[in-house]
N, C-alpha and C. Protein backbone atom coordinates (compact mmCIF):
# COMPACT_ATOMS: atom_id res chain seq x y z
N MET A 1 98.94 105.86 111.19
CA MET A 1 99.02 107.26 110.79
C MET A 1 98.63 107.38 109.32
N LEU A 2 97.81 108.35 109.00
CA LEU A 2 97.42 108.63 107.62
C LEU A 2 98.25 109.80 107.13
N SER A 3 98.99 109.57 106.06
CA SER A 3 99.94 110.55 105.56
C SER A 3 99.71 110.88 104.10
N VAL A 4 100.10 112.10 103.75
CA VAL A 4 100.13 112.56 102.37
C VAL A 4 101.60 112.82 102.04
N PHE A 5 102.05 112.39 100.88
CA PHE A 5 103.40 112.68 100.39
C PHE A 5 103.20 113.08 98.94
N VAL A 6 103.39 114.35 98.63
CA VAL A 6 102.98 114.84 97.32
C VAL A 6 103.92 115.91 96.81
N GLY A 7 104.03 116.00 95.48
CA GLY A 7 104.79 117.06 94.84
C GLY A 7 103.85 118.08 94.23
N THR A 8 104.22 119.35 94.33
CA THR A 8 103.42 120.41 93.74
C THR A 8 104.34 121.43 93.06
N SER A 9 103.72 122.23 92.19
CA SER A 9 104.42 123.41 91.69
C SER A 9 104.53 124.39 92.87
N LEU A 10 105.37 125.38 92.74
CA LEU A 10 105.52 126.34 93.82
C LEU A 10 104.19 127.06 94.10
N ASP A 11 103.35 127.19 93.08
CA ASP A 11 102.07 127.85 93.28
C ASP A 11 100.95 126.89 93.69
N GLY A 12 101.32 125.65 94.10
CA GLY A 12 100.37 124.77 94.77
C GLY A 12 99.55 123.84 93.92
N PHE A 13 99.96 123.62 92.67
CA PHE A 13 99.20 122.73 91.80
C PHE A 13 99.85 121.35 91.70
N ILE A 14 99.02 120.30 91.73
CA ILE A 14 99.53 118.94 91.60
C ILE A 14 99.56 118.50 90.14
N ALA A 15 98.85 119.22 89.28
CA ALA A 15 98.81 118.90 87.85
C ALA A 15 98.32 120.12 87.09
N ARG A 16 98.55 120.08 85.78
CA ARG A 16 98.02 121.13 84.91
C ARG A 16 96.51 120.92 84.77
N PRO A 17 95.79 121.89 84.18
CA PRO A 17 94.33 121.72 84.03
C PRO A 17 93.94 120.43 83.30
N ASN A 18 94.79 119.95 82.38
CA ASN A 18 94.50 118.72 81.63
C ASN A 18 94.98 117.46 82.35
N GLY A 19 95.48 117.61 83.56
CA GLY A 19 95.93 116.46 84.35
C GLY A 19 97.41 116.14 84.19
N ALA A 20 98.10 116.79 83.27
CA ALA A 20 99.53 116.52 83.05
C ALA A 20 100.35 117.05 84.22
N PHE A 21 101.39 116.33 84.57
CA PHE A 21 102.30 116.79 85.62
C PHE A 21 103.73 116.75 85.12
N ASP A 22 103.90 117.22 83.88
CA ASP A 22 105.20 117.24 83.22
C ASP A 22 106.17 118.24 83.85
N PHE A 23 105.70 119.07 84.74
CA PHE A 23 106.58 120.02 85.43
C PHE A 23 107.31 119.37 86.60
N LEU A 24 106.87 118.17 87.02
CA LEU A 24 107.57 117.46 88.09
C LEU A 24 108.83 116.82 87.52
N PRO A 25 109.88 116.69 88.31
CA PRO A 25 111.13 116.10 87.81
C PRO A 25 110.91 114.65 87.36
N ALA A 26 111.53 114.27 86.27
CA ALA A 26 111.44 112.90 85.76
C ALA A 26 111.88 111.93 86.84
N GLY A 27 111.10 110.86 87.03
CA GLY A 27 111.44 109.84 88.02
C GLY A 27 111.40 110.34 89.46
N GLY A 28 110.78 111.50 89.69
CA GLY A 28 110.71 112.05 91.04
C GLY A 28 111.89 112.94 91.39
N GLY A 29 112.87 113.02 90.48
CA GLY A 29 114.04 113.86 90.76
C GLY A 29 114.99 113.15 91.71
N GLU A 30 115.83 113.93 92.36
CA GLU A 30 116.81 113.36 93.28
C GLU A 30 116.11 112.76 94.50
N PRO A 31 116.75 111.85 95.21
CA PRO A 31 116.13 111.28 96.41
C PRO A 31 115.73 112.38 97.39
N HIS A 32 114.48 112.36 97.81
CA HIS A 32 114.00 113.38 98.75
C HIS A 32 113.06 112.77 99.80
N GLY A 33 113.32 111.50 100.14
CA GLY A 33 112.59 110.87 101.23
C GLY A 33 111.46 109.95 100.82
N TYR A 34 111.15 109.88 99.52
CA TYR A 34 110.02 109.06 99.09
C TYR A 34 110.25 107.58 99.39
N ASP A 35 111.42 107.06 99.08
CA ASP A 35 111.69 105.63 99.29
C ASP A 35 111.52 105.25 100.76
N GLU A 36 112.03 106.08 101.64
CA GLU A 36 111.89 105.82 103.07
C GLU A 36 110.42 105.92 103.50
N PHE A 37 109.73 106.90 102.94
CA PHE A 37 108.32 107.08 103.26
C PHE A 37 107.51 105.86 102.82
N ILE A 38 107.66 105.44 101.57
CA ILE A 38 106.84 104.35 101.04
C ILE A 38 107.14 103.05 101.79
N ALA A 39 108.37 102.88 102.25
CA ALA A 39 108.71 101.68 103.02
C ALA A 39 108.00 101.66 104.37
N SER A 40 107.58 102.83 104.86
CA SER A 40 106.96 102.92 106.18
C SER A 40 105.45 102.72 106.17
N VAL A 41 104.83 102.63 104.99
CA VAL A 41 103.37 102.53 104.94
C VAL A 41 102.91 101.09 104.73
N ASP A 42 101.73 100.79 105.30
CA ASP A 42 101.13 99.46 105.15
C ASP A 42 100.33 99.35 103.86
N ALA A 43 99.75 100.46 103.42
CA ALA A 43 98.92 100.44 102.21
C ALA A 43 98.85 101.85 101.62
N ILE A 44 98.61 101.87 100.32
CA ILE A 44 98.41 103.12 99.59
C ILE A 44 96.94 103.19 99.23
N VAL A 45 96.31 104.32 99.51
CA VAL A 45 94.90 104.53 99.20
C VAL A 45 94.83 105.64 98.16
N MET A 46 94.23 105.32 97.01
CA MET A 46 94.14 106.32 95.94
C MET A 46 92.79 106.23 95.25
N GLY A 47 92.42 107.31 94.61
CA GLY A 47 91.19 107.33 93.83
C GLY A 47 91.37 106.66 92.49
N ARG A 48 90.26 106.41 91.82
CA ARG A 48 90.27 105.75 90.52
C ARG A 48 91.08 106.53 89.48
N LYS A 49 90.91 107.86 89.45
CA LYS A 49 91.64 108.66 88.46
C LYS A 49 93.14 108.58 88.67
N THR A 50 93.59 108.61 89.92
CA THR A 50 95.01 108.49 90.20
C THR A 50 95.51 107.11 89.79
N PHE A 51 94.72 106.06 90.09
CA PHE A 51 95.07 104.71 89.69
C PHE A 51 95.25 104.62 88.17
N GLU A 52 94.31 105.18 87.42
CA GLU A 52 94.40 105.14 85.97
C GLU A 52 95.60 105.92 85.46
N THR A 53 95.93 107.03 86.11
CA THR A 53 97.11 107.80 85.74
C THR A 53 98.38 106.99 85.98
N VAL A 54 98.47 106.34 87.14
CA VAL A 54 99.64 105.52 87.46
C VAL A 54 99.80 104.39 86.44
N LEU A 55 98.69 103.76 86.08
CA LEU A 55 98.75 102.67 85.10
C LEU A 55 99.31 103.14 83.77
N ALA A 56 98.94 104.35 83.36
CA ALA A 56 99.37 104.87 82.06
C ALA A 56 100.85 105.24 82.03
N LEU A 57 101.48 105.34 83.19
CA LEU A 57 102.88 105.76 83.25
C LEU A 57 103.86 104.66 82.90
N GLY A 58 103.43 103.41 82.92
CA GLY A 58 104.35 102.32 82.62
C GLY A 58 104.26 101.23 83.64
N PRO A 59 105.39 100.56 83.93
CA PRO A 59 105.37 99.44 84.87
C PRO A 59 104.83 99.85 86.23
N TRP A 60 104.16 98.91 86.88
CA TRP A 60 103.56 99.15 88.20
C TRP A 60 104.65 99.56 89.18
N PRO A 61 104.57 100.76 89.78
CA PRO A 61 105.68 101.26 90.60
C PRO A 61 105.66 100.82 92.07
N TYR A 62 104.62 100.13 92.51
CA TYR A 62 104.47 99.86 93.94
C TYR A 62 104.85 98.45 94.35
N GLY A 63 105.32 97.64 93.42
CA GLY A 63 105.73 96.28 93.76
C GLY A 63 104.61 95.51 94.44
N LYS A 64 104.92 94.90 95.58
CA LYS A 64 103.94 94.11 96.33
C LYS A 64 103.25 94.92 97.44
N LYS A 65 103.47 96.24 97.46
CA LYS A 65 102.80 97.09 98.45
C LYS A 65 101.30 97.07 98.18
N ARG A 66 100.52 96.91 99.21
CA ARG A 66 99.06 96.86 99.08
C ARG A 66 98.53 98.22 98.60
N VAL A 67 97.73 98.20 97.55
CA VAL A 67 97.13 99.41 97.00
C VAL A 67 95.62 99.25 97.01
N VAL A 68 94.94 100.24 97.53
CA VAL A 68 93.48 100.25 97.58
C VAL A 68 92.99 101.37 96.67
N VAL A 69 92.18 100.99 95.69
CA VAL A 69 91.61 101.96 94.75
C VAL A 69 90.18 102.26 95.19
N LEU A 70 89.90 103.53 95.41
CA LEU A 70 88.56 103.93 95.85
C LEU A 70 87.69 104.27 94.65
N SER A 71 86.57 103.60 94.56
CA SER A 71 85.61 103.90 93.50
C SER A 71 84.30 103.20 93.81
N SER A 72 83.21 103.87 93.53
CA SER A 72 81.90 103.24 93.70
C SER A 72 81.50 102.49 92.44
N ARG A 73 82.25 102.71 91.34
CA ARG A 73 82.02 101.98 90.09
C ARG A 73 83.09 100.90 89.95
N PRO A 74 82.77 99.81 89.23
CA PRO A 74 83.78 98.76 89.04
C PRO A 74 85.05 99.30 88.37
N VAL A 75 86.20 98.85 88.85
CA VAL A 75 87.49 99.25 88.31
C VAL A 75 88.19 98.00 87.81
N ASP A 76 88.74 98.07 86.60
CA ASP A 76 89.47 96.94 86.04
C ASP A 76 90.88 96.92 86.63
N LEU A 77 91.11 95.97 87.51
CA LEU A 77 92.41 95.87 88.18
C LEU A 77 93.35 94.90 87.47
N SER A 78 92.87 94.29 86.39
CA SER A 78 93.64 93.24 85.72
C SER A 78 94.91 93.76 85.04
N ALA A 79 94.99 95.05 84.78
CA ALA A 79 96.17 95.60 84.11
C ALA A 79 97.39 95.64 85.03
N VAL A 80 97.19 95.45 86.32
CA VAL A 80 98.30 95.47 87.27
C VAL A 80 98.93 94.10 87.29
N SER A 81 100.16 94.05 86.84
CA SER A 81 100.88 92.78 86.80
C SER A 81 101.77 92.66 88.03
N GLY A 82 101.49 91.65 88.85
CA GLY A 82 102.33 91.38 90.01
C GLY A 82 102.06 92.24 91.23
N GLY A 83 101.09 93.16 91.15
CA GLY A 83 100.80 94.02 92.27
C GLY A 83 99.72 93.44 93.18
N VAL A 84 99.56 94.06 94.31
CA VAL A 84 98.52 93.68 95.27
C VAL A 84 97.53 94.84 95.30
N VAL A 85 96.45 94.71 94.52
CA VAL A 85 95.52 95.82 94.34
C VAL A 85 94.10 95.34 94.60
N GLU A 86 93.34 96.17 95.31
CA GLU A 86 91.94 95.86 95.58
C GLU A 86 91.13 97.14 95.47
N GLN A 87 89.84 96.97 95.35
CA GLN A 87 88.94 98.12 95.27
C GLN A 87 88.09 98.19 96.52
N MET A 88 87.84 99.42 96.99
CA MET A 88 86.94 99.66 98.12
C MET A 88 86.07 100.86 97.80
N ALA A 89 84.94 100.91 98.46
CA ALA A 89 84.06 102.08 98.38
C ALA A 89 83.58 102.39 99.78
N GLY A 90 83.23 103.64 100.00
CA GLY A 90 82.72 104.05 101.30
C GLY A 90 83.25 105.42 101.66
N THR A 91 82.87 105.88 102.83
CA THR A 91 83.37 107.16 103.32
C THR A 91 84.83 106.98 103.75
N PRO A 92 85.58 108.08 103.85
CA PRO A 92 86.95 107.94 104.34
C PRO A 92 87.03 107.20 105.68
N ALA A 93 86.13 107.49 106.60
CA ALA A 93 86.16 106.81 107.91
C ALA A 93 85.91 105.31 107.75
N GLU A 94 84.99 104.93 106.87
CA GLU A 94 84.72 103.50 106.63
C GLU A 94 85.94 102.81 106.03
N ILE A 95 86.60 103.49 105.09
CA ILE A 95 87.80 102.91 104.46
C ILE A 95 88.89 102.69 105.51
N VAL A 96 89.14 103.70 106.34
CA VAL A 96 90.17 103.59 107.39
C VAL A 96 89.82 102.46 108.35
N SER A 97 88.56 102.33 108.71
CA SER A 97 88.13 101.27 109.62
C SER A 97 88.34 99.89 109.00
N LYS A 98 87.97 99.73 107.73
CA LYS A 98 88.16 98.44 107.04
C LYS A 98 89.65 98.09 106.97
N LEU A 99 90.47 99.07 106.65
CA LEU A 99 91.91 98.81 106.53
C LEU A 99 92.53 98.51 107.90
N ALA A 100 92.12 99.23 108.93
CA ALA A 100 92.63 98.97 110.28
C ALA A 100 92.26 97.56 110.73
N ALA A 101 91.05 97.13 110.39
CA ALA A 101 90.61 95.78 110.78
C ALA A 101 91.46 94.71 110.12
N SER A 102 92.09 95.04 108.98
CA SER A 102 92.93 94.07 108.29
C SER A 102 94.41 94.27 108.63
N GLY A 103 94.70 95.16 109.60
CA GLY A 103 96.07 95.35 110.05
C GLY A 103 96.82 96.48 109.38
N ALA A 104 96.17 97.21 108.49
CA ALA A 104 96.82 98.33 107.80
C ALA A 104 96.51 99.62 108.55
N HIS A 105 97.53 100.19 109.22
CA HIS A 105 97.33 101.38 110.03
C HIS A 105 98.08 102.59 109.48
N ASN A 106 99.23 102.37 108.87
CA ASN A 106 100.01 103.46 108.28
C ASN A 106 99.63 103.55 106.81
N LEU A 107 98.83 104.56 106.48
CA LEU A 107 98.27 104.67 105.15
C LEU A 107 98.82 105.89 104.42
N TYR A 108 99.13 105.69 103.15
CA TYR A 108 99.56 106.76 102.24
C TYR A 108 98.33 107.14 101.43
N ILE A 109 97.82 108.34 101.64
CA ILE A 109 96.64 108.83 100.94
C ILE A 109 97.13 109.62 99.73
N ASP A 110 96.71 109.20 98.53
CA ASP A 110 97.25 109.80 97.30
C ASP A 110 96.14 110.17 96.33
N GLY A 111 96.37 111.24 95.60
CA GLY A 111 95.41 111.72 94.61
C GLY A 111 94.66 112.92 95.13
N GLY A 112 94.53 113.94 94.30
CA GLY A 112 93.95 115.21 94.74
C GLY A 112 92.61 115.11 95.43
N ILE A 113 91.64 114.49 94.78
CA ILE A 113 90.29 114.41 95.36
C ILE A 113 90.30 113.56 96.62
N THR A 114 91.04 112.47 96.60
CA THR A 114 91.11 111.58 97.76
C THR A 114 91.75 112.30 98.95
N ILE A 115 92.84 113.01 98.70
CA ILE A 115 93.49 113.78 99.77
C ILE A 115 92.50 114.79 100.35
N GLN A 116 91.79 115.50 99.48
CA GLN A 116 90.84 116.51 99.95
C GLN A 116 89.72 115.89 100.78
N GLU A 117 89.20 114.73 100.35
CA GLU A 117 88.12 114.07 101.10
C GLU A 117 88.60 113.62 102.49
N PHE A 118 89.80 113.04 102.55
CA PHE A 118 90.32 112.56 103.83
C PHE A 118 90.67 113.74 104.75
N LEU A 119 91.14 114.85 104.17
CA LEU A 119 91.39 116.06 104.97
C LEU A 119 90.09 116.60 105.55
N ARG A 120 89.06 116.72 104.70
CA ARG A 120 87.77 117.24 105.18
C ARG A 120 87.18 116.34 106.27
N ALA A 121 87.48 115.04 106.19
CA ALA A 121 86.98 114.10 107.20
C ALA A 121 87.82 114.13 108.49
N GLY A 122 88.90 114.92 108.49
CA GLY A 122 89.73 115.04 109.69
C GLY A 122 90.61 113.83 109.95
N LEU A 123 90.96 113.09 108.89
CA LEU A 123 91.70 111.84 109.08
C LEU A 123 93.19 111.93 108.76
N ILE A 124 93.61 112.94 108.02
CA ILE A 124 95.03 113.08 107.67
C ILE A 124 95.79 113.55 108.90
N GLN A 125 96.91 112.90 109.19
CA GLN A 125 97.71 113.25 110.37
C GLN A 125 99.07 113.87 110.01
N ARG A 126 99.58 113.53 108.82
CA ARG A 126 100.90 114.04 108.41
C ARG A 126 100.85 114.42 106.94
N ILE A 127 101.47 115.55 106.61
CA ILE A 127 101.53 116.01 105.22
C ILE A 127 102.98 116.34 104.89
N VAL A 128 103.49 115.73 103.83
CA VAL A 128 104.81 116.06 103.32
C VAL A 128 104.60 116.59 101.90
N ILE A 129 104.96 117.85 101.69
CA ILE A 129 104.79 118.48 100.38
C ILE A 129 106.17 118.83 99.86
N THR A 130 106.47 118.34 98.66
CA THR A 130 107.72 118.70 98.00
C THR A 130 107.37 119.68 96.88
N ARG A 131 107.88 120.90 97.02
CA ARG A 131 107.60 121.93 96.04
C ARG A 131 108.71 121.96 94.99
N VAL A 132 108.28 121.98 93.73
CA VAL A 132 109.18 122.05 92.59
C VAL A 132 109.32 123.53 92.22
N PRO A 133 110.53 124.00 91.97
CA PRO A 133 110.72 125.43 91.69
C PRO A 133 110.22 125.83 90.30
N VAL A 134 108.90 125.83 90.14
CA VAL A 134 108.28 126.25 88.88
C VAL A 134 106.89 126.80 89.20
N LEU A 135 106.51 127.85 88.52
CA LEU A 135 105.15 128.39 88.62
C LEU A 135 104.43 127.99 87.33
N ILE A 136 103.28 127.36 87.46
CA ILE A 136 102.55 126.95 86.25
C ILE A 136 101.28 127.78 86.04
N GLY A 137 100.92 128.63 87.00
CA GLY A 137 99.84 129.58 86.80
C GLY A 137 98.44 129.08 87.01
N GLU A 138 98.15 127.87 86.58
CA GLU A 138 96.82 127.30 86.77
C GLU A 138 96.94 125.79 86.74
N GLY A 139 95.93 125.13 87.30
CA GLY A 139 95.97 123.68 87.30
C GLY A 139 95.04 123.13 88.36
N ILE A 140 95.33 121.90 88.74
CA ILE A 140 94.53 121.21 89.75
C ILE A 140 95.20 121.47 91.10
N PRO A 141 94.50 122.16 92.00
CA PRO A 141 95.12 122.49 93.29
C PRO A 141 95.22 121.27 94.20
N LEU A 142 96.23 121.27 95.04
CA LEU A 142 96.35 120.21 96.04
C LEU A 142 95.21 120.29 97.04
N PHE A 143 94.92 121.49 97.49
CA PHE A 143 93.89 121.66 98.51
C PHE A 143 92.66 122.33 97.90
N GLY A 144 91.49 121.86 98.32
CA GLY A 144 90.23 122.44 97.88
C GLY A 144 89.54 123.08 99.06
N PRO A 145 88.25 123.33 98.92
CA PRO A 145 87.48 123.93 100.01
C PRO A 145 87.53 123.06 101.26
N LEU A 146 87.59 123.71 102.41
CA LEU A 146 87.62 123.00 103.70
C LEU A 146 86.52 123.55 104.59
N PRO A 147 86.01 122.73 105.50
CA PRO A 147 84.94 123.20 106.39
C PRO A 147 85.44 124.22 107.41
N GLY A 148 86.72 124.32 107.58
CA GLY A 148 87.32 125.26 108.53
C GLY A 148 88.83 125.15 108.43
N ASP A 149 89.50 125.96 109.18
CA ASP A 149 90.97 125.93 109.18
C ASP A 149 91.47 124.58 109.68
N ILE A 150 92.55 124.13 109.09
CA ILE A 150 93.25 122.94 109.57
C ILE A 150 94.63 123.43 110.01
N ARG A 151 94.85 123.45 111.28
CA ARG A 151 96.12 123.93 111.84
C ARG A 151 97.18 122.84 111.70
N LEU A 152 98.36 123.27 111.29
CA LEU A 152 99.47 122.35 111.09
C LEU A 152 100.64 122.74 111.99
N ARG A 153 101.42 121.74 112.37
CA ARG A 153 102.64 121.98 113.13
C ARG A 153 103.81 121.60 112.25
N HIS A 154 104.68 122.56 111.97
CA HIS A 154 105.84 122.33 111.11
C HIS A 154 106.84 121.42 111.82
N ILE A 155 107.26 120.38 111.12
CA ILE A 155 108.24 119.43 111.67
C ILE A 155 109.63 119.71 111.11
N ALA A 156 109.71 119.81 109.79
CA ALA A 156 111.03 120.03 109.16
C ALA A 156 110.85 120.49 107.73
N THR A 157 111.85 121.22 107.26
CA THR A 157 111.93 121.60 105.84
C THR A 157 113.34 121.28 105.38
N ARG A 158 113.40 120.61 104.24
CA ARG A 158 114.70 120.23 103.66
C ARG A 158 114.78 120.79 102.25
N GLN A 159 115.95 121.29 101.89
CA GLN A 159 116.15 121.75 100.52
C GLN A 159 117.15 120.84 99.84
N TYR A 160 117.02 120.74 98.53
CA TYR A 160 117.85 119.83 97.75
C TYR A 160 118.55 120.61 96.64
N PRO A 161 119.70 120.10 96.17
CA PRO A 161 120.49 120.83 95.17
C PRO A 161 119.71 121.22 93.91
N SER A 162 118.72 120.43 93.51
CA SER A 162 117.96 120.74 92.29
C SER A 162 116.99 121.89 92.49
N GLY A 163 116.77 122.29 93.76
CA GLY A 163 115.81 123.34 94.06
C GLY A 163 114.53 122.81 94.69
N LEU A 164 114.38 121.48 94.76
CA LEU A 164 113.23 120.93 95.47
C LEU A 164 113.28 121.36 96.92
N VAL A 165 112.11 121.65 97.49
CA VAL A 165 111.99 122.00 98.90
C VAL A 165 110.87 121.14 99.47
N SER A 166 111.21 120.34 100.46
CA SER A 166 110.25 119.42 101.05
C SER A 166 109.96 119.83 102.49
N SER A 167 108.67 120.02 102.79
CA SER A 167 108.25 120.41 104.14
C SER A 167 107.32 119.36 104.71
N GLU A 168 107.56 119.03 105.98
CA GLU A 168 106.73 118.06 106.67
C GLU A 168 105.96 118.75 107.79
N TYR A 169 104.66 118.39 107.88
CA TYR A 169 103.79 118.96 108.88
C TYR A 169 102.98 117.84 109.54
N LEU A 170 102.64 118.04 110.81
CA LEU A 170 101.66 117.21 111.49
C LEU A 170 100.40 118.05 111.65
N VAL A 171 99.27 117.41 111.49
CA VAL A 171 98.00 118.10 111.72
C VAL A 171 97.85 118.26 113.23
N ALA A 172 97.66 119.50 113.67
CA ALA A 172 97.52 119.78 115.10
C ALA A 172 96.22 119.20 115.60
N ALA A 173 96.28 118.60 116.78
CA ALA A 173 95.09 117.97 117.36
C ALA A 173 94.10 118.97 117.87
């Protein structure tokens, strides 16, 4: 299963126009399912910009979880200490095929552009969006242009004491 697990402002932005996401709760806020989600995935697939952002945040947060960085240009992976990181290039379908051939079937798709590309390719099956109770007015949207409607089936919505609201959807077949 290819899944998205992402935090946004209430108005749908994953970051400010300059890429900052200081409106998200420090450390992810209260537990809202991320730890359980990350334990369920075989690999994390992210774009180069997301990888560079994660690196700038401090210690590598993914431990020994396999991380695939998508880029057609060389990426310096040496800054990751103790992690399992590799680079791949190709279409979303090619990436999924390569990962499936290596036994990775439950994938966490992360990063705005990467999420949008995998959505447009029809490969995302589950979306979990945690909305932070703040309006930032402008920024980098989670969703971009799509070739057509993507119908979703609501699975569950959970609210948390801090005001976080997390909704899970499956992409309708």
